[in-house]
C-alpha atoms as a PDB file:
ATOM      1  CA  MET A   1      29.732  -8.169 -18.783  1.00  0.00           C
ATOM      2  CA  SER A   2      26.357  -6.528 -19.504  1.00  0.00           C
ATOM      3  CA  ILE A   3      24.147  -7.895 -22.285  1.00  0.00           C
ATOM      4  CA  TRP A   4      22.442  -4.495 -22.541  1.00  0.00           C
ATOM      5  CA  ARG A   5      22.804  -2.961 -25.994  1.00  0.00           C
ATOM      6  CA  GLY A   6      20.895   0.290 -25.531  1.00  0.00           C
ATOM      7  CA  PRO A   7      22.720   3.519 -26.472  1.00  0.00           C
ATOM      8  CA  GLN A   8      22.312   4.693 -22.862  1.00  0.00           C
ATOM      9  CA  LYS A   9      21.647   3.018 -19.531  1.00  0.00           C
ATOM     10  CA  LEU A  10      18.180   1.807 -18.684  1.00  0.00           C
ATOM     11  CA  ILE A  11      16.634   3.951 -15.946  1.00  0.00           C
ATOM     12  CA  LEU A  12      14.678   2.418 -13.080  1.00  0.00           C
ATOM     13  CA  ALA A  13      12.271   4.999 -11.661  1.00  0.00           C
ATOM     14  CA  SER A  14      12.281   3.344  -8.244  1.00  0.00           C
ATOM     15  CA  GLN A  15      14.293   3.130  -5.053  1.00  0.00           C
ATOM     16  CA  SER A  16      13.387  -0.534  -4.573  1.00  0.00           C
ATOM     17  CA  ARG A  17      16.490  -2.599  -3.899  1.00  0.00           C
ATOM     18  CA  ALA A  18      14.638  -5.778  -4.910  1.00  0.00           C
ATOM     19  CA  ARG A  19      13.689  -4.400  -8.347  1.00  0.00           C
ATOM     20  CA  LYS A  20      17.197  -3.062  -8.916  1.00  0.00           C
ATOM     21  CA  MET A  21      18.656  -6.447  -7.977  1.00  0.00           C
ATOM     22  CA  LEU A  22      16.329  -8.299 -10.366  1.00  0.00           C
ATOM     23  CA  LEU A  23      17.312  -6.096 -13.309  1.00  0.00           C
ATOM     24  CA  GLU A  24      21.022  -6.155 -12.528  1.00  0.00           C
ATOM     25  CA  ASN A  25      20.968  -9.939 -12.130  1.00  0.00           C
ATOM     26  CA  ALA A  26      19.366 -10.116 -15.584  1.00  0.00           C
ATOM     27  CA  GLY A  27      22.405  -8.326 -17.010  1.00  0.00           C
ATOM     28  CA  LEU A  28      20.915  -4.882 -17.554  1.00  0.00           C
ATOM     29  CA  ASP A  29      23.053  -1.757 -17.396  1.00  0.00           C
ATOM     30  CA  LEU A  30      20.900   0.578 -15.343  1.00  0.00           C
ATOM     31  CA  GLU A  31      20.644   3.675 -13.202  1.00  0.00           C
ATOM     32  CA  ALA A  32      18.105   4.102 -10.397  1.00  0.00           C
ATOM     33  CA  LEU A  33      16.363   7.476 -10.252  1.00  0.00           C
ATOM     34  CA  PRO A  34      13.361   7.370  -7.895  1.00  0.00           C
ATOM     35  CA  ALA A  35      10.346   9.297  -9.189  1.00  0.00           C
ATOM     36  CA  ASP A  36       9.306  12.060  -6.818  1.00  0.00           C
ATOM     37  CA  ILE A  37       5.539  11.787  -7.142  1.00  0.00           C
ATOM     38  CA  ASP A  38       2.837  11.909  -4.483  1.00  0.00           C
ATOM     39  CA  GLU A  39       1.441   8.430  -4.976  1.00  0.00           C
ATOM     40  CA  ARG A  40      -1.524   8.798  -2.634  1.00  0.00           C
ATOM     41  CA  THR A  41      -2.621  12.040  -4.294  1.00  0.00           C
ATOM     42  CA  VAL A  42      -2.281  10.522  -7.776  1.00  0.00           C
ATOM     43  CA  GLN A  43      -4.330   7.533  -6.649  1.00  0.00           C
ATOM     44  CA  LYS A  44      -7.011   9.674  -5.005  1.00  0.00           C
ATOM     45  CA  ASN A  45      -7.364  11.996  -7.993  1.00  0.00           C
ATOM     46  CA  SER A  46      -7.658   9.072 -10.407  1.00  0.00           C
ATOM     47  CA  GLY A  47     -10.894   7.787  -8.911  1.00  0.00           C
ATOM     48  CA  LEU A  48      -9.663   4.225  -9.470  1.00  0.00           C
ATOM     49  CA  SER A  49     -10.407   1.500  -6.934  1.00  0.00           C
ATOM     50  CA  ALA A  50      -9.257  -1.752  -8.596  1.00  0.00           C
ATOM     51  CA  PRO A  51      -5.838  -2.755  -7.182  1.00  0.00           C
ATOM     52  CA  GLY A  52      -4.395  -3.731 -10.571  1.00  0.00           C
ATOM     53  CA  GLU A  53      -5.508  -0.481 -12.189  1.00  0.00           C
ATOM     54  CA  ILE A  54      -3.995   1.564  -9.358  1.00  0.00           C
ATOM     55  CA  ALA A  55      -0.675  -0.286  -9.599  1.00  0.00           C
ATOM     56  CA  SER A  56      -0.636   0.237 -13.377  1.00  0.00           C
ATOM     57  CA  LEU A  57      -1.419   3.950 -13.033  1.00  0.00           C
ATOM     58  CA  LEU A  58       1.366   4.528 -10.515  1.00  0.00           C
ATOM     59  CA  ALA A  59       3.881   2.556 -12.584  1.00  0.00           C
ATOM     60  CA  ARG A  60       3.048   4.722 -15.609  1.00  0.00           C
ATOM     61  CA  GLU A  61       3.252   7.978 -13.666  1.00  0.00           C
ATOM     62  CA  LYS A  62       6.661   7.068 -12.256  1.00  0.00           C
ATOM     63  CA  ALA A  63       8.032   6.118 -15.673  1.00  0.00           C
ATOM     64  CA  LEU A  64       6.656   9.277 -17.307  1.00  0.00           C
ATOM     65  CA  PHE A  65       7.927  11.549 -14.520  1.00  0.00           C
ATOM     66  CA  ILE A  66      11.534  10.461 -15.095  1.00  0.00           C
ATOM     67  CA  SER A  67      11.163  10.062 -18.871  1.00  0.00           C
ATOM     68  CA  ARG A  68      10.304  13.750 -19.247  1.00  0.00           C
ATOM     69  CA  GLN A  69      13.646  14.548 -17.622  1.00  0.00           C
ATOM     70  CA  LYS A  70      15.651  11.965 -19.574  1.00  0.00           C
ATOM     71  CA  PRO A  71      14.862  12.140 -23.308  1.00  0.00           C
ATOM     72  CA  GLY A  72      16.259   9.351 -25.423  1.00  0.00           C
ATOM     73  CA  GLN A  73      16.351   6.829 -22.578  1.00  0.00           C
ATOM     74  CA  TYR A  74      14.131   3.907 -21.694  1.00  0.00           C
ATOM     75  CA  VAL A  75      12.598   4.379 -18.232  1.00  0.00           C
ATOM     76  CA  VAL A  76      11.021   1.561 -16.208  1.00  0.00           C
ATOM     77  CA  GLY A  77       8.358   2.406 -13.653  1.00  0.00           C
ATOM     78  CA  ALA A  78       6.882  -0.187 -11.319  1.00  0.00           C
ATOM     79  CA  ASP A  79       4.372  -0.400  -8.522  1.00  0.00           C
ATOM     80  CA  GLN A  80       2.707  -3.042  -6.400  1.00  0.00           C
ATOM     81  CA  THR A  81      -0.567  -3.131  -4.487  1.00  0.00           C
ATOM     82  CA  LEU A  82      -1.724  -5.594  -1.844  1.00  0.00           C
ATOM     83  CA  ALA A  83      -5.422  -6.348  -1.548  1.00  0.00           C
ATOM     84  CA  LEU A  84      -7.344  -8.577   0.833  1.00  0.00           C
ATOM     85  CA  GLY A  85     -10.709  -8.766  -0.863  1.00  0.00           C
ATOM     86  CA  GLN A  86     -11.712  -5.127  -1.434  1.00  0.00           C
ATOM     87  CA  ARG A  87      -9.348  -3.781   1.222  1.00  0.00           C
ATOM     88  CA  MET A  88      -6.026  -2.357   0.092  1.00  0.00           C
ATOM     89  CA  PHE A  89      -2.972  -2.072   2.312  1.00  0.00           C
ATOM     90  CA  SER A  90      -0.155   0.481   2.422  1.00  0.00           C
ATOM     91  CA  LYS A  91       3.290   0.162   3.974  1.00  0.00           C
ATOM     92  CA  PRO A  92       2.953   0.084   7.776  1.00  0.00           C
ATOM     93  CA  THR A  93       4.131   3.211   9.555  1.00  0.00           C
ATOM     94  CA  GLY A  94       5.542   1.330  12.529  1.00  0.00           C
ATOM     95  CA  ARG A  95       5.507  -1.889  14.525  1.00  0.00           C
ATOM     96  CA  ALA A  96       1.928  -1.496  15.797  1.00  0.00           C
ATOM     97  CA  GLN A  97       0.518  -1.105  12.300  1.00  0.00           C
ATOM     98  CA  ALA A  98       2.702  -3.950  11.042  1.00  0.00           C
ATOM     99  CA  ALA A  99       1.262  -6.218  13.734  1.00  0.00           C
ATOM    100  CA  GLU A 100      -2.251  -5.115  12.785  1.00  0.00           C
ATOM    101  CA  GLN A 101      -1.678  -5.907   9.104  1.00  0.00           C
ATOM    102  CA  LEU A 102      -0.225  -9.317   9.863  1.00  0.00           C
ATOM    103  CA  GLY A 103      -3.170 -10.084  12.142  1.00  0.00           C
ATOM    104  CA  LEU A 104      -5.585  -9.291   9.320  1.00  0.00           C
ATOM    105  CA  LEU A 105      -3.640 -11.239   6.689  1.00  0.00           C
ATOM    106  CA  ALA A 106      -2.983 -14.334   8.840  1.00  0.00           C
ATOM    107  CA  GLY A 107      -4.946 -17.367   7.675  1.00  0.00           C
ATOM    108  CA  GLN A 108      -6.143 -15.503   4.562  1.00  0.00           C
ATOM    109  CA  THR A 109      -5.261 -15.353   0.866  1.00  0.00           C
ATOM    110  CA  HIS A 110      -4.364 -11.910  -0.436  1.00  0.00           C
ATOM    111  CA  ALA A 111      -3.403 -10.675  -3.893  1.00  0.00           C
ATOM    112  CA  LEU A 112      -0.278  -8.824  -4.956  1.00  0.00           C
ATOM    113  CA  HIS A 113      -0.745  -6.843  -8.167  1.00  0.00           C
ATOM    114  CA  SER A 114       2.640  -5.927  -9.668  1.00  0.00           C
ATOM    115  CA  ALA A 115       2.699  -3.466 -12.547  1.00  0.00           C
ATOM    116  CA  VAL A 116       5.462  -2.344 -14.879  1.00  0.00           C
ATOM    117  CA  SER A 117       5.535   0.454 -17.420  1.00  0.00           C
ATOM    118  CA  VAL A 118       8.222   1.581 -19.859  1.00  0.00           C
ATOM    119  CA  ALA A 119       8.336   5.162 -21.104  1.00  0.00           C
ATOM    120  CA  TYR A 120      10.508   6.685 -23.804  1.00  0.00           C
ATOM    121  CA  ASP A 121      10.631  10.395 -24.660  1.00  0.00           C
ATOM    122  CA  GLY A 122       7.664  11.114 -22.428  1.00  0.00           C
ATOM    123  CA  LYS A 123       5.382   8.444 -23.898  1.00  0.00           C
ATOM    124  CA  VAL A 124       4.411   5.040 -22.530  1.00  0.00           C
ATOM    125  CA  ARG A 125       5.683   2.253 -24.785  1.00  0.00           C
ATOM    126  CA  PHE A 126       4.778  -0.788 -22.685  1.00  0.00           C
ATOM    127  CA  ASP A 127       2.484  -1.788 -19.785  1.00  0.00           C
ATOM    128  CA  ASP A 128       1.802  -5.019 -17.945  1.00  0.00           C
ATOM    129  CA  VAL A 129       0.250  -6.200 -14.668  1.00  0.00           C
ATOM    130  CA  CYS A 130       0.747  -9.621 -13.066  1.00  0.00           C
ATOM    131  CA  VAL A 131      -0.937 -11.094  -9.997  1.00  0.00           C
ATOM    132  CA  ALA A 132       0.357 -13.405  -7.270  1.00  0.00           C
ATOM    133  CA  ARG A 133      -1.918 -14.949  -4.651  1.00  0.00           C
ATOM    134  CA  MET A 134      -0.383 -15.388  -1.231  1.00  0.00           C
ATOM    135  CA  THR A 135      -1.846 -17.580   1.508  1.00  0.00           C
ATOM    136  CA  MET A 136      -0.501 -16.723   4.939  1.00  0.00           C
ATOM    137  CA  ARG A 137      -0.610 -19.372   7.627  1.00  0.00           C
ATOM    138  CA  ARG A 138      -2.581 -18.826  10.810  1.00  0.00           C
ATOM    139  CA  LEU A 139      -0.513 -16.834  13.293  1.00  0.00           C
ATOM    140  CA  ALA A 140      -0.979 -16.442  17.023  1.00  0.00           C
ATOM    141  CA  ALA A 141      -0.242 -13.065  18.570  1.00  0.00           C
ATOM    142  CA  GLY A 142       2.959 -14.440  20.083  1.00  0.00           C
ATOM    143  CA  GLU A 143       4.160 -15.653  16.684  1.00  0.00           C
ATOM    144  CA  ILE A 144       3.545 -12.226  15.156  1.00  0.00           C
ATOM    145  CA  ASP A 145       5.484 -10.577  17.987  1.00  0.00           C
ATOM    146  CA  ALA A 146       8.368 -13.022  17.564  1.00  0.00           C
ATOM    147  CA  TYR A 147       8.487 -12.354  13.827  1.00  0.00           C
ATOM    148  CA  LEU A 148       8.457  -8.591  14.350  1.00  0.00           C
ATOM    149  CA  ASP A 149      11.261  -8.886  16.906  1.00  0.00           C
ATOM    150  CA  GLN A 150      13.417 -10.730  14.383  1.00  0.00           C
ATOM    151  CA  ALA A 151      12.516  -8.705  11.291  1.00  0.00           C
ATOM    152  CA  GLY A 152      13.014  -5.306  12.930  1.00  0.00           C
ATOM    153  CA  ALA A 153      12.556  -2.057  11.014  1.00  0.00           C
ATOM    154  CA  ALA A 154      12.466  -3.900   7.669  1.00  0.00           C
ATOM    155  CA  VAL A 155       8.761  -4.578   8.202  1.00  0.00           C
ATOM    156  CA  THR A 156       7.977  -0.917   7.460  1.00  0.00           C
ATOM    157  CA  THR A 157       9.593  -1.036   4.011  1.00  0.00           C
ATOM    158  CA  SER A 158       7.103  -3.453   2.447  1.00  0.00           C
ATOM    159  CA  VAL A 159       3.337  -3.456   2.192  1.00  0.00           C
ATOM    160  CA  GLY A 160       1.937  -6.280   4.309  1.00  0.00           C
ATOM    161  CA  ALA A 161       4.912  -6.021   6.689  1.00  0.00           C
ATOM    162  CA  TYR A 162       6.835  -8.862   5.079  1.00  0.00           C
ATOM    163  CA  GLN A 163       9.639  -9.457   2.611  1.00  0.00           C
ATOM    164  CA  LEU A 164       9.319 -12.867   1.029  1.00  0.00           C
ATOM    165  CA  GLU A 165      13.009 -12.908   0.100  1.00  0.00           C
ATOM    166  CA  GLY A 166      13.835 -12.676   3.817  1.00  0.00           C
ATOM    167  CA  LEU A 167      12.239 -13.785   7.075  1.00  0.00           C
ATOM    168  CA  GLY A 168       8.778 -13.145   5.653  1.00  0.00           C
ATOM    169  CA  VAL A 169       8.861 -16.503   3.877  1.00  0.00           C
ATOM    170  CA  HIS A 170       8.142 -18.158   7.256  1.00  0.00           C
ATOM    171  CA  LEU A 171       4.688 -16.549   7.316  1.00  0.00           C
ATOM    172  CA  PHE A 172       3.309 -18.411   4.296  1.00  0.00           C
ATOM    173  CA  GLU A 173       1.860 -21.811   3.570  1.00  0.00           C
ATOM    174  CA  ARG A 174       1.042 -21.412  -0.143  1.00  0.00           C
ATOM    175  CA  ILE A 175       1.987 -19.077  -3.002  1.00  0.00           C
ATOM    176  CA  GLU A 176       0.516 -18.898  -6.506  1.00  0.00           C
ATOM    177  CA  GLY A 177       2.491 -16.719  -8.907  1.00  0.00           C
ATOM    178  CA  ASP A 178       6.035 -16.172 -10.050  1.00  0.00           C
ATOM    179  CA  HIS A 179       8.833 -14.959  -7.815  1.00  0.00           C
ATOM    180  CA  PHE A 180       9.402 -11.775  -9.815  1.00  0.00           C
ATOM    181  CA  THR A 181       5.792 -10.653  -9.443  1.00  0.00           C
ATOM    182  CA  ILE A 182       6.011 -11.190  -5.704  1.00  0.00           C
ATOM    183  CA  LEU A 183       9.142  -9.030  -5.541  1.00  0.00           C
ATOM    184  CA  GLY A 184       7.296  -6.257  -7.371  1.00  0.00           C
ATOM    185  CA  LEU A 185       8.313  -6.514 -11.028  1.00  0.00           C
ATOM    186  CA  PRO A 186       6.763  -8.538 -13.905  1.00  0.00           C
ATOM    187  CA  LEU A 187      10.257  -9.286 -15.150  1.00  0.00           C
ATOM    188  CA  LEU A 188       9.592 -11.814 -17.909  1.00  0.00           C
ATOM    189  CA  SER A 189       7.166  -9.615 -19.841  1.00  0.00           C
ATOM    190  CA  LEU A 190       9.456  -6.606 -19.348  1.00  0.00           C
ATOM    191  CA  LEU A 191      12.428  -8.506 -20.752  1.00  0.00           C
ATOM    192  CA  ALA A 192      10.328  -9.692 -23.691  1.00  0.00           C
ATOM    193  CA  PHE A 193       9.458  -6.077 -24.535  1.00  0.00           C
ATOM    194  CA  LEU A 194      13.075  -4.928 -24.287  1.00  0.00           C
ATOM    195  CA  ARG A 195      14.122  -7.849 -26.462  1.00  0.00           C
ATOM    196  CA  ARG A 196      11.599  -6.784 -29.112  1.00  0.00           C
ATOM    197  CA  GLU A 197      13.219  -3.366 -28.984  1.00  0.00           C
ATOM    198  CA  LYS A 198      16.567  -5.014 -29.910  1.00  0.00           C
ATOM    199  CA  LEU A 199      18.176  -3.921 -26.649  1.00  0.00           C
ATOM    200  CA  PHE A 200      19.805  -7.238 -25.725  1.00  0.00           C
ATOM    201  CA  ALA A 201      22.752  -9.158 -27.100  1.00  0.00           C
ATOM    202  CA  VAL A 202      20.899 -12.451 -26.485  1.00  0.00           C
END
């Protein structure tokens, strides 16, 4: 039974299975409608360079894109950036780029900036950004190859070439930050906002 009390389903402006799972597990009645925006163009035109600001911008743009099509419904947009110092990473295009990213991240601490935005009737009602710091253990070339053999094509679906909820957990020695932020959604602050909007039975 859903604890959602909104007049219509919550909309998730994302195709992320992890984000959808987090919201469904929290008892939300939702529909996933990925936002068809050109993220790289939006980022380039913004002139922003700070990872958290970029993640927040993209989360807002996704939420607004769907909200303009779905009046009267709450729309959640989310985005995540990975930064090693000043260098930002995108999803690898194939195995070679995945191996390159893992080689750069191995033995280092990188930051995941996860942003969430909620739009309603074409206006942003809520924003938040959370950070997780991830320390990857040192990896020899053979270990990276073995990981890529086991993980398969899944490595191209996540920035940094890992999924912490799967085999990617073997790559790390220390993590600072909550599990939801790592999976790409600041869930606790999002739920707090929705609760303030009287959208839950609990």
